[in-house]
Amino acid sequence: MSRSFAAGRASGAYGPWLRSINAWIALALIFLTFAIPPARAEPITILGLGDSLMAGYGLSRGSSFPAQLEAALRQRGHDVRVINAGVSGDTSAGGKARLGWSLAEKPDAAIVELGANDGLRGLSPEAMRDNLDAILSELRSHRVPALLAGMRAPPNLGREYADAFRRVYADLAAAHGVIFYPFFLDGVAADRSLNQDDGMHPSAEGVAVVVERILPKVEELIGRVKAQRAG
């Protein structure tokens, strides 16, 4: 018997068996493709670094800005977690001092809301600039995209102080290329129906307005995180 003839007979004898094995392998691969769910992306963690406006002074835990923001984002289909790193009475210097501790949470993004207490105490806008600049620089060094929320100084401190105070936020946002929301309390400040009895801290309804207005900027922040992950 020639070698080619033997090989032909072997091929003919085992052909159906081999085709059967290949069919089972194909079916198994199809099953695995549909049976194993695709890897799910990790939730996006947003750090809320701020003062009493972030902490939720006078409110229940579920009514604070981080809690309402997280709920609103989830309702819009975003898989997020918002960390409440707000401390009542904190100045920009206080936020700078505890940033390292806050970054231990390994956030994907950060909302920086500080400066209200600097203004209430009449502290130097130049010192506030240095503190916020250090915070944004630290976030950038950790590759944490940021949203900077601006504040306004009390009117009794004069026009010159108020202008210098407001410029700090706009200048830093431009210098660091972060997302900028000019006034955290936009639509809420000075509206008695949206504030607590002290006239300075939003009620739960006031926080809802803050969340509604800042939401597009936060979604832009989430977009930066996704782009960074993809890159």
Protein backbone atom coordinates (compact mmCIF):
# COMPACT_ATOMS: atom_id res chain seq x y z
CA MET A 1 0.00 0.00 0.00
CA SER A 2 1.44 3.36 -0.97
CA ARG A 3 1.93 6.08 1.60
CA SER A 4 -0.46 8.50 -0.13
CA PHE A 5 -3.12 5.83 -0.37
CA ALA A 6 -2.77 5.06 3.35
CA ALA A 7 -3.04 8.70 4.21
CA GLY A 8 -6.13 8.98 2.08
CA ARG A 9 -7.75 6.03 3.81
CA ALA A 10 -6.91 7.51 7.23
CA SER A 11 -8.37 10.81 6.22
CA GLY A 12 -11.51 9.13 4.99
CA ALA A 13 -11.85 7.06 8.15
CA TYR A 14 -11.39 9.90 10.59
CA GLY A 15 -12.91 12.71 8.57
CA PRO A 16 -16.45 12.47 10.04
CA TRP A 17 -15.03 12.18 13.55
CA LEU A 18 -12.81 15.23 13.10
CA ARG A 19 -15.68 17.24 11.68
CA SER A 20 -17.78 16.28 14.69
CA ILE A 21 -15.06 17.43 17.11
CA ASN A 22 -14.69 20.73 15.25
CA ALA A 23 -18.43 21.28 15.42
CA TRP A 24 -18.43 20.73 19.19
CA ILE A 25 -15.53 23.15 19.61
CA ALA A 26 -17.37 25.79 17.58
CA LEU A 27 -20.51 25.31 19.68
CA ALA A 28 -18.50 25.57 22.88
CA LEU A 29 -16.90 28.84 21.75
CA ILE A 30 -20.30 30.30 20.86
CA PHE A 31 -21.65 29.29 24.28
CA LEU A 32 -18.72 30.86 26.09
CA THR A 33 -19.10 34.06 24.09
CA PHE A 34 -22.68 34.53 25.28
CA ALA A 35 -22.42 32.89 28.70
CA ILE A 36 -19.52 34.97 30.02
CA PRO A 37 -20.62 38.58 30.57
CA PRO A 38 -18.27 41.29 29.31
CA ALA A 39 -16.04 42.93 31.90
CA ARG A 40 -17.84 45.84 33.53
CA ALA A 41 -16.09 49.18 33.89
CA GLU A 42 -15.44 50.34 37.42
CA PRO A 43 -17.79 53.04 38.77
CA ILE A 44 -16.48 56.59 38.49
CA THR A 45 -15.61 57.98 41.92
CA ILE A 46 -15.95 61.75 42.32
CA LEU A 47 -14.39 63.50 45.30
CA GLY A 48 -16.38 66.45 46.67
CA LEU A 49 -13.76 68.60 48.41
CA GLY A 50 -15.39 71.54 50.14
CA ASP A 51 -16.75 73.25 53.20
CA SER A 52 -20.19 73.24 54.87
CA LEU A 53 -21.89 73.69 51.49
CA MET A 54 -20.40 70.35 50.44
CA ALA A 55 -20.74 68.72 53.85
CA GLY A 56 -24.48 69.41 54.01
CA TYR A 57 -24.67 71.63 57.08
CA GLY A 58 -28.12 71.47 58.70
CA LEU A 59 -29.34 68.76 56.31
CA SER A 60 -29.93 65.04 56.51
CA ARG A 61 -27.23 62.90 54.97
CA GLY A 62 -29.39 62.08 51.97
CA SER A 63 -30.11 65.76 51.28
CA SER A 64 -26.49 66.91 51.03
CA PHE A 65 -25.02 68.04 47.74
CA PRO A 66 -22.92 64.88 47.19
CA ALA A 67 -25.90 62.61 47.91
CA GLN A 68 -28.30 64.52 45.65
CA LEU A 69 -25.68 64.82 42.92
CA GLU A 70 -24.98 61.08 42.96
CA ALA A 71 -28.70 60.31 42.78
CA ALA A 72 -29.19 62.73 39.86
CA LEU A 73 -26.24 61.29 37.94
CA ARG A 74 -27.39 57.72 38.47
CA GLN A 75 -30.84 58.68 37.27
CA ARG A 76 -29.19 59.87 34.07
CA GLY A 77 -27.44 56.54 33.62
CA HIS A 78 -24.01 57.29 35.08
CA ASP A 79 -22.38 54.65 37.27
CA VAL A 80 -20.85 56.98 39.85
CA ARG A 81 -20.03 57.34 43.51
CA VAL A 82 -19.71 60.82 45.02
CA ILE A 83 -17.57 61.08 48.16
CA ASN A 84 -18.55 63.75 50.67
CA ALA A 85 -15.23 65.31 51.69
CA GLY A 86 -16.79 68.51 52.98
CA VAL A 87 -15.85 69.97 56.37
CA SER A 88 -17.93 72.76 57.87
CA GLY A 89 -15.92 75.91 58.52
CA ASP A 90 -13.08 74.87 56.23
CA THR A 91 -11.12 77.53 54.38
CA SER A 92 -9.07 77.00 51.25
CA ALA A 93 -6.07 76.44 53.54
CA GLY A 94 -7.95 73.70 55.39
CA GLY A 95 -8.88 72.00 52.14
CA LYS A 96 -5.28 72.12 51.01
CA ALA A 97 -4.08 70.62 54.30
CA ARG A 98 -6.34 67.56 54.08
CA LEU A 99 -6.18 66.93 50.35
CA GLY A 100 -3.65 64.14 50.76
CA TRP A 101 -5.99 62.31 53.11
CA SER A 102 -8.89 62.78 50.69
CA LEU A 103 -6.86 61.39 47.79
CA ALA A 104 -6.43 58.13 49.72
CA GLU A 105 -9.91 57.32 48.37
CA LYS A 106 -8.32 57.19 44.89
CA PRO A 107 -10.98 59.33 43.17
CA ASP A 108 -11.30 59.45 39.41
CA ALA A 109 -12.36 63.12 39.46
CA ALA A 110 -12.84 65.96 41.93
CA ILE A 111 -15.18 68.87 42.52
CA VAL A 112 -13.40 71.64 44.42
CA GLU A 113 -15.79 73.94 46.33
CA LEU A 114 -13.81 76.13 48.70
CA GLY A 115 -13.42 79.80 49.50
CA ALA A 116 -16.74 80.78 51.07
CA ASN A 117 -15.18 80.91 54.54
CA ASP A 118 -12.16 82.79 53.21
CA GLY A 119 -14.59 85.47 52.05
CA LEU A 120 -16.63 85.49 55.26
CA ARG A 121 -13.43 86.04 57.26
CA GLY A 122 -12.06 88.61 54.85
CA LEU A 123 -8.94 86.56 54.22
CA SER A 124 -6.49 87.52 51.51
CA PRO A 125 -7.58 86.60 47.96
CA GLU A 126 -3.89 86.12 47.14
CA ALA A 127 -3.54 83.50 49.88
CA MET A 128 -6.71 81.80 48.66
CA ARG A 129 -5.25 81.75 45.16
CA ASP A 130 -2.10 80.04 46.41
CA ASN A 131 -4.10 77.42 48.31
CA LEU A 132 -6.44 76.61 45.44
CA ASP A 133 -3.52 76.60 43.01
CA ALA A 134 -1.77 74.02 45.20
CA ILE A 135 -4.93 71.88 45.34
CA LEU A 136 -5.41 71.91 41.57
CA SER A 137 -1.72 71.20 41.00
CA GLU A 138 -1.87 68.21 43.34
CA LEU A 139 -4.96 66.85 41.61
CA ARG A 140 -3.27 67.20 38.24
CA SER A 141 -0.17 65.38 39.50
CA HIS A 142 -2.45 62.46 40.42
CA ARG A 143 -4.18 62.65 37.02
CA VAL A 144 -7.50 63.54 38.64
CA PRO A 145 -9.65 65.78 36.37
CA ALA A 146 -11.24 68.60 38.34
CA LEU A 147 -14.21 70.91 38.35
CA LEU A 148 -13.61 74.20 40.14
CA ALA A 149 -16.71 75.80 41.65
CA GLY A 150 -16.37 79.51 42.29
CA MET A 151 -17.74 81.57 45.17
CA ARG A 152 -18.45 85.23 45.75
CA ALA A 153 -17.28 87.49 48.55
CA PRO A 154 -19.80 89.18 50.88
CA PRO A 155 -20.78 92.61 49.48
CA ASN A 156 -19.86 94.41 52.70
CA LEU A 157 -16.16 93.84 51.98
CA GLY A 158 -16.22 96.26 49.07
CA ARG A 159 -16.06 96.15 45.31
CA GLU A 160 -12.29 95.87 45.04
CA TYR A 161 -12.12 92.85 47.34
CA ALA A 162 -15.10 91.20 45.62
CA ASP A 163 -13.54 91.63 42.17
CA ALA A 164 -10.16 90.27 43.28
CA PHE A 165 -11.91 87.35 44.99
CA ARG A 166 -13.94 86.44 41.91
CA ARG A 167 -10.94 86.68 39.58
CA VAL A 168 -9.06 84.03 41.56
CA TYR A 169 -11.39 81.28 40.35
CA ALA A 170 -11.52 82.31 36.70
CA ASP A 171 -7.76 82.76 36.50
CA LEU A 172 -6.99 79.40 38.11
CA ALA A 173 -9.53 77.54 35.97
CA ALA A 174 -7.89 78.94 32.84
CA ALA A 175 -4.34 78.30 34.09
CA HIS A 176 -5.03 74.66 34.99
CA GLY A 177 -7.47 73.87 32.19
CA VAL A 178 -10.09 72.56 34.61
CA ILE A 179 -13.85 72.71 34.16
CA PHE A 180 -15.20 75.92 35.65
CA TYR A 181 -18.55 76.63 37.29
CA PRO A 182 -18.42 80.34 38.21
CA PHE A 183 -20.77 80.40 41.23
CA PHE A 184 -21.65 77.31 43.24
CA LEU A 185 -24.79 78.92 44.73
CA ASP A 186 -26.09 80.25 41.43
CA GLY A 187 -29.88 80.52 41.57
CA VAL A 188 -29.94 79.90 45.33
CA ALA A 189 -27.98 82.68 47.02
CA ALA A 190 -30.17 85.37 48.61
CA ASP A 191 -33.36 83.42 47.89
CA ARG A 192 -34.94 82.90 51.32
CA SER A 193 -37.23 80.16 50.05
CA LEU A 194 -34.20 78.03 49.09
CA ASN A 195 -32.05 78.63 52.16
CA GLN A 196 -32.07 77.64 55.79
CA ASP A 197 -32.85 80.17 58.51
CA ASP A 198 -29.25 81.43 58.59
CA GLY A 199 -29.67 82.67 55.01
CA MET A 200 -26.32 81.19 53.97
CA HIS A 201 -26.80 77.43 53.71
CA PRO A 202 -29.18 75.94 51.14
CA SER A 203 -32.15 73.90 52.25
CA ALA A 204 -32.70 70.47 50.69
CA GLU A 205 -34.74 72.21 47.98
CA GLY A 206 -31.92 74.70 47.47
CA VAL A 207 -29.38 71.91 47.07
CA ALA A 208 -31.62 70.37 44.42
CA VAL A 209 -31.40 73.62 42.46
CA VAL A 210 -27.61 73.67 42.81
CA VAL A 211 -27.43 70.10 41.53
CA GLU A 212 -29.72 70.81 38.59
CA ARG A 213 -27.66 73.78 37.47
CA ILE A 214 -24.21 72.27 37.91
CA LEU A 215 -25.15 68.88 36.43
CA PRO A 216 -24.03 69.63 32.83
CA LYS A 217 -20.58 70.60 34.10
CA VAL A 218 -20.33 67.43 36.18
CA GLU A 219 -21.29 65.36 33.15
CA GLU A 220 -18.51 67.13 31.25
CA LEU A 221 -16.18 66.09 34.08
CA ILE A 222 -17.34 62.48 33.75
CA GLY A 223 -16.64 62.72 30.03
CA ARG A 224 -13.05 63.66 30.78
CA VAL A 225 -12.66 60.66 33.06
CA LYS A 226 -13.99 58.33 30.35
CA ALA A 227 -11.70 59.86 27.75
CA GLN A 228 -8.75 59.44 30.08
CA ARG A 229 -9.64 55.80 30.71
CA ALA A 230 -9.99 55.16 27.00
CA GLY A 231 -6.66 56.78 26.31
